[in-house]
Amino acid sequence: MTKNLPDHEIGGGNLFANTGVEQADEHLLKARLVSRIQDRIDERKLSQTGAAKLMGLTQPDLSNVLRGRFRGYSIERLMRGLSSLGSDIEIVIRTRGKADVKIPAYAAH
C-alpha cells in the first residue's frame, strides 16, 4: 500500500538555500563548523564553560553559537575555535579530473 503524500518538492543539499536564506552557502558552512565544534566538545567531554575558555569566548556566547545564533561570527573565527578544541583544518580545492590541492588552514596546538 502506498501513502498519498502532499504536494512537495525535493530540495537541494542546502536547507538554507531552499528556504531563501541570504548567503546560504556561507550559512551552511558555518552550521557545519558549529556541528563539528559540538562534536569536539562531546568527544573531549568538555563543559560549555571549559570549551568556551579554550575558544576565547564566554560561555553564553558559545551557548548562542551552539544553538545556531552564529551570524555575527566569521567562518575564520569558527575555524579558529574548532582548531583550539584540537581539530586540524584543511581547505581542499578540487578541479574535476585533477589532483587535490590541500591548504592547511589551522592546526591544533
Protein backbone atom coordinates (compact mmCIF):
# COMPACT_ATOMS: atom_id res chain seq x y z
CA MET A 1 0.00 0.00 0.00
CA THR A 2 1.42 3.41 -0.96
CA LYS A 3 0.80 6.55 1.01
CA ASN A 4 -0.55 9.63 -0.67
CA LEU A 5 1.94 12.38 0.05
CA PRO A 6 1.06 16.06 -0.10
CA ASP A 7 2.50 18.05 -2.98
CA HIS A 8 6.12 18.75 -2.22
CA GLU A 9 9.45 19.43 -3.82
CA ILE A 10 12.73 17.68 -3.21
CA GLY A 11 15.23 20.38 -2.35
CA GLY A 12 18.94 20.55 -2.95
CA GLY A 13 21.51 19.75 -0.30
CA ASN A 14 21.35 23.18 1.33
CA LEU A 15 18.34 23.79 3.55
CA PHE A 16 19.32 27.45 3.87
CA ALA A 17 19.20 27.95 0.09
CA ASN A 18 15.94 26.01 -0.12
CA THR A 19 14.34 28.38 2.38
CA GLY A 20 15.70 31.59 0.84
CA VAL A 21 18.31 32.49 3.46
CA GLU A 22 20.73 35.12 2.18
CA GLN A 23 24.32 33.89 1.77
CA ALA A 24 23.06 30.32 2.10
CA ASP A 25 26.40 28.66 1.22
CA GLU A 26 28.21 30.64 3.91
CA HIS A 27 25.47 29.85 6.43
CA LEU A 28 25.69 26.13 5.61
CA LEU A 29 29.47 26.14 6.08
CA LYS A 30 29.11 27.90 9.43
CA ALA A 31 26.48 25.36 10.51
CA ARG A 32 28.80 22.50 9.58
CA LEU A 33 31.66 24.09 11.55
CA VAL A 34 29.41 24.57 14.58
CA SER A 35 28.34 20.93 14.31
CA ARG A 36 31.99 19.85 14.40
CA ILE A 37 32.61 22.19 17.37
CA GLN A 38 29.80 20.42 19.23
CA ASP A 39 31.27 17.04 18.24
CA ARG A 40 34.70 18.01 19.62
CA ILE A 41 33.14 19.29 22.87
CA ASP A 42 31.30 15.98 23.26
CA GLU A 43 34.36 13.87 22.34
CA ARG A 44 36.51 15.69 24.87
CA LYS A 45 33.73 15.66 27.49
CA LEU A 46 34.11 19.40 27.99
CA SER A 47 31.61 21.66 29.68
CA GLN A 48 30.50 24.71 27.74
CA THR A 49 32.47 26.83 30.18
CA GLY A 50 35.64 24.82 29.60
CA ALA A 51 35.19 24.78 25.82
CA ALA A 52 34.42 28.50 25.75
CA LYS A 53 37.62 29.24 27.67
CA LEU A 54 39.68 27.24 25.16
CA MET A 55 37.96 29.05 22.29
CA GLY A 56 38.38 32.52 23.77
CA LEU A 57 34.62 33.01 24.21
CA THR A 58 32.30 33.43 27.15
CA GLN A 59 30.01 30.52 27.99
CA PRO A 60 26.86 32.48 26.99
CA ASP A 61 28.44 33.32 23.62
CA LEU A 62 29.35 29.68 23.00
CA SER A 63 25.84 28.62 24.03
CA ASN A 64 24.38 31.00 21.45
CA VAL A 65 26.71 29.68 18.75
CA LEU A 66 25.79 26.08 19.53
CA ARG A 67 22.09 26.98 19.32
CA GLY A 68 22.55 28.34 15.80
CA ARG A 69 22.97 32.00 16.62
CA PHE A 70 26.26 32.46 14.79
CA ARG A 71 25.55 35.17 12.22
CA GLY A 72 27.97 37.54 13.96
CA TYR A 73 30.83 35.02 13.74
CA SER A 74 33.07 34.72 10.70
CA ILE A 75 33.98 31.40 9.14
CA GLU A 76 37.57 32.10 10.11
CA ARG A 77 36.65 32.66 13.77
CA LEU A 78 34.68 29.42 13.87
CA MET A 79 37.63 27.56 12.29
CA ARG A 80 39.99 29.03 14.90
CA GLY A 81 37.60 27.90 17.63
CA LEU A 82 37.45 24.39 16.19
CA SER A 83 41.23 24.34 15.99
CA SER A 84 41.52 25.41 19.63
CA LEU A 85 39.48 22.31 20.51
CA GLY A 86 42.07 20.04 18.89
CA SER A 87 40.99 19.78 15.26
CA ASP A 88 43.28 20.29 12.28
CA ILE A 89 41.54 22.06 9.41
CA GLU A 90 42.42 21.81 5.73
CA ILE A 91 40.88 23.63 2.82
CA VAL A 92 40.65 21.34 -0.21
CA ILE A 93 40.40 22.78 -3.71
CA ARG A 94 39.45 20.37 -6.48
CA THR A 95 39.44 20.75 -10.21
CA ARG A 96 37.44 17.99 -11.79
CA GLY A 97 39.73 15.27 -13.10
CA LYS A 98 42.86 16.61 -11.38
CA ALA A 99 44.66 16.05 -8.10
CA ASP A 100 43.52 17.89 -4.99
CA VAL A 101 45.32 20.92 -3.66
CA LYS A 102 45.22 20.88 0.15
CA ILE A 103 45.94 24.02 2.08
CA PRO A 104 46.41 23.68 5.85
CA ALA A 105 44.20 26.38 7.33
CA TYR A 106 44.55 25.84 11.08
CA ALA A 107 46.47 23.25 13.04
CA ALA A 108 45.53 22.29 16.56
CA HIS A 109 48.04 23.48 19.12
